Structure formats: C-alpha cells, structure tokens
Amino acid sequence: MQTANRLEYLLDKMEQRTASEAECQELLNLIDADESGTITERINAFHAARPDIVPQPDFEGSQWKQGIHEVLNKYKTRENTIPDAAPVGRLRSLRRIGWAAAAVLVITAGAYLFLTIKETPTAVEPVGLAQQQPILPGTNGARLTLADGSTVSLDDAKDGLIAAQQGANAVLKNGSLSYAAANAGGTIVYNTLSTPKGRQFHMELADGSKVWLNAGSSIRFPTAFQGSERKVEITGEAYFEVAPNSASPFIVNVNNRAAIEVLGTSFNINAYDNEEQLSTTLFSGSVRMANNATHIANTATVVLKPGQQGRMNNHGSTAATGISVSSDIDTDKIIAWKNGFFNFGKASLREVMRQLERWYDIEVVYEKDVPNPQFIGKMTRNISLQDLFQILESSEVNFRIEGKKVIVTK
C-alpha cells in the first residue's frame, strides 16, 4: 500500500477509535521518519478537511506524536484495569471528542493541549459525571429595561416591534435587537440591555454601531444619539464595531472606572468585577483609553493600535491606577466567546472556571490544596458542562456537581 494511502488508512482508524496498538505505533514511526514534514502536512490536511472538526492552527509532528502516545497510554491503562464494563462510557464519550484530543488532554510543558470537534447530539452512558443531570451551555437571550423601568425578556421573544419609545423603535429580528429613529429631535431616553449568566446577545444601536454582550454583562444606551458625542455605559464584557462619525466621537464608560473614546473601530472590553484587570483590546482603527470615566481630557490616557491591549487594575483607587499596553496579544483568544468558542490559551484553572461560571450559570467552590494547572486549547461552547469536565479531569483536577454548585477537588 502506498505511503499516502496507508497514512489515510491509519488516520481513519484513529478517527474511528479502532486503531490497534501496532497501528498506533506504525503512525508514530511514519512521523518519526518524516524529515521533510510531508507526513505532518498530510495529517493536518486530513483533520482540516473533516467537517466536524473545529478549525485549528497546524500542529507540529511532535504535537501529533504526543497525542498518539496519550492514546496508547489510555489503551494500556484500559487493558490493565477493568477489561469490560467500566471504561465503556468513558471511551464512547472520548470518541465524540476525537482522537486528536489525545484521549483527553495532552500534557505539554506543564500545560494542556487539545483539539475538539463540534458538538453532536450523541447519547452518553451514565458513567461518573454523566450520571448528573446535564448542565447545558448558555444560549442567546437578554433582558431589556425600558426608560419607564419596565422590562422585556428577549429569550423567547418573536421577531417584530419590541418597544416604541420617544426617539426610536426597538425591533427584534433573527435574534438581534436594533433601534430605528422614530422622530428625530425628540426627547432622548435610555434603555439597558443586560445578559444574565448563561446568556449572550447582539444588538445594533441607533447610529448603526454593533455590540455583542457576553454572559453577565450590560449596556446602557440612548435610544437615539444627538449632540457632539455618542455615549454608552457597560459592565462585564462586550465587543464593539463602531459606526464611523468623525463629528461625533463614540465614548464607552466602563464600570465608571475607565473610558474608551473612538471614531470608528472594532474592539473588545473585559471588565468583569471578579477579574483582576480591566482590559481593552483593539482589532481595527484607533481608540484612546483613559483611567477615568468622566474626565477624559484631564487624566492619563493611552492610544491603542490594532493588535494591542490596554490594561489597568480593576480594583482599588482609580486615580492611582495606571494603564499598561501590551502588543503580544492572541486576539483570537480575546473574542473566542463572540465566535462560540472557549479559548484557554495559557489560562489557569481559576481563569477557566470563571468563564464556566458565567456561561453555565454555576457557582464554583474550591477545596483546599487544589492544583492550579494551565490549559491551552480551543473548543466549542456548545457542550454540556459534564462533557467539558470529562476533558478537563485529565489535568489531575476533579469536579463534583451538587445542583448548580461545582466543587473543585484534587
């Protein structure tokens, strides 16, 4: 059999989780002998062509070898423990995740590297965490608070007019809220869109600017913009694509602690109360970040360029908080949430759990002496919490679920 055909045969066997130990070793030998890099390129191409695989950067041969070694180790562990009943549910759930997950997570320099596939509705036997009632991922939804204090749930609202107010009409279409001017020059009123834990939402402001809210976030905004400035207020995390208007700068008040001034650009703000730093990451255009939300002209500011991130202390005295700028930013990681993924690039256990708290609407409690490993990888957010924990548990951290409370243990 030609090498190319044999390689595809072996990869198919790995994908189906039917490769024997000898076939795994054969694949390792092909990678070991791959001085030109051709085999590695073909493996990357094989996985890139799979419709159920989340797009990933190309891996080096050493990374694929580590994955295969992990699969071999898992097979050997299975053979040396309970031969029949116990591993079944676990192995079937791993088949859903994909062999490139290295049978769970691949240990790399103290971190963990994994690939994942898009979630498919496959039943999993009730083993371990799967015995729990599934905790489902978050969905699209929000609550709109109108100027008179009344609220409208957008979780299950149908397309059409949501509210008619002075200055603008709020219209829902295809799961997105937008504002259209009703009578120019009318009285300006303010609305607030908020996403509880387990929800995210997209909206378009009256000027055409687009906003994506992550879970546990809010934006307060005028139903129509008038005057020389366009001002909004946010909490939590939001991604903006601001409509250009040089005559009317767009200003974001962030938690009453910082301000972002732009003309027309795209950027992400992360300002959750339980995060140590308040950050703004610029994707295009230019923004000015100030460490004071109300007196921009009389305070310390920095101008960010695309690909840069400005950070300041999220707690303590605002007046004493400086702004640092970093250019070494993984922008894909920053907006993974907006694109439907978790991206745990060098994230600590507690960083990961803070994201899970918001998306799955859970409470996390740590027992004493719990390790704090780092995680590297990208996976869909459309997966139950139990399935996600089955992946994370190979990091030598365990999880116990009691209702909506998750206890992290050794």
Foldseek 3Di string as FASTA:
>chain_A
DDPLVLLVVLQVCQLQVNDDPVSLVVLLVVLVPCPPCPSQVSVLVVQCPDPFWDDDPRDGSVLQNLLSVLSSVVVVVCVPDDVPDQCVLLVVLLSQFGSQCSSFWGQDPLATEGTGTHDDPDDGPCHDLSVDDWLFWAEAWKWKQWQVRDIDTLPPDDFAFDDDDWQWTWTDDPQEIEIEGDDPPTDKGKMKIAAAFRHKGKYAAHVRKIKIGAFGKMKIAISHDDDQEGEMEMEAKMKIFDDADVSYWYWYQYVQFKIKTFRGFIWMWGQYLPDQKTKIAGAAHKIKMFRGRPCRVPGDIDMDHHQKMWIWGNDDDSRPIDIDMDNPDDVCCRCVVVVQKHFQQFNKPVRVVVSVCRGSVAAEAEDPPFDITGYGYMDGSRDTPSSNQSNVCVSVWHWDDDPRYIYIYD
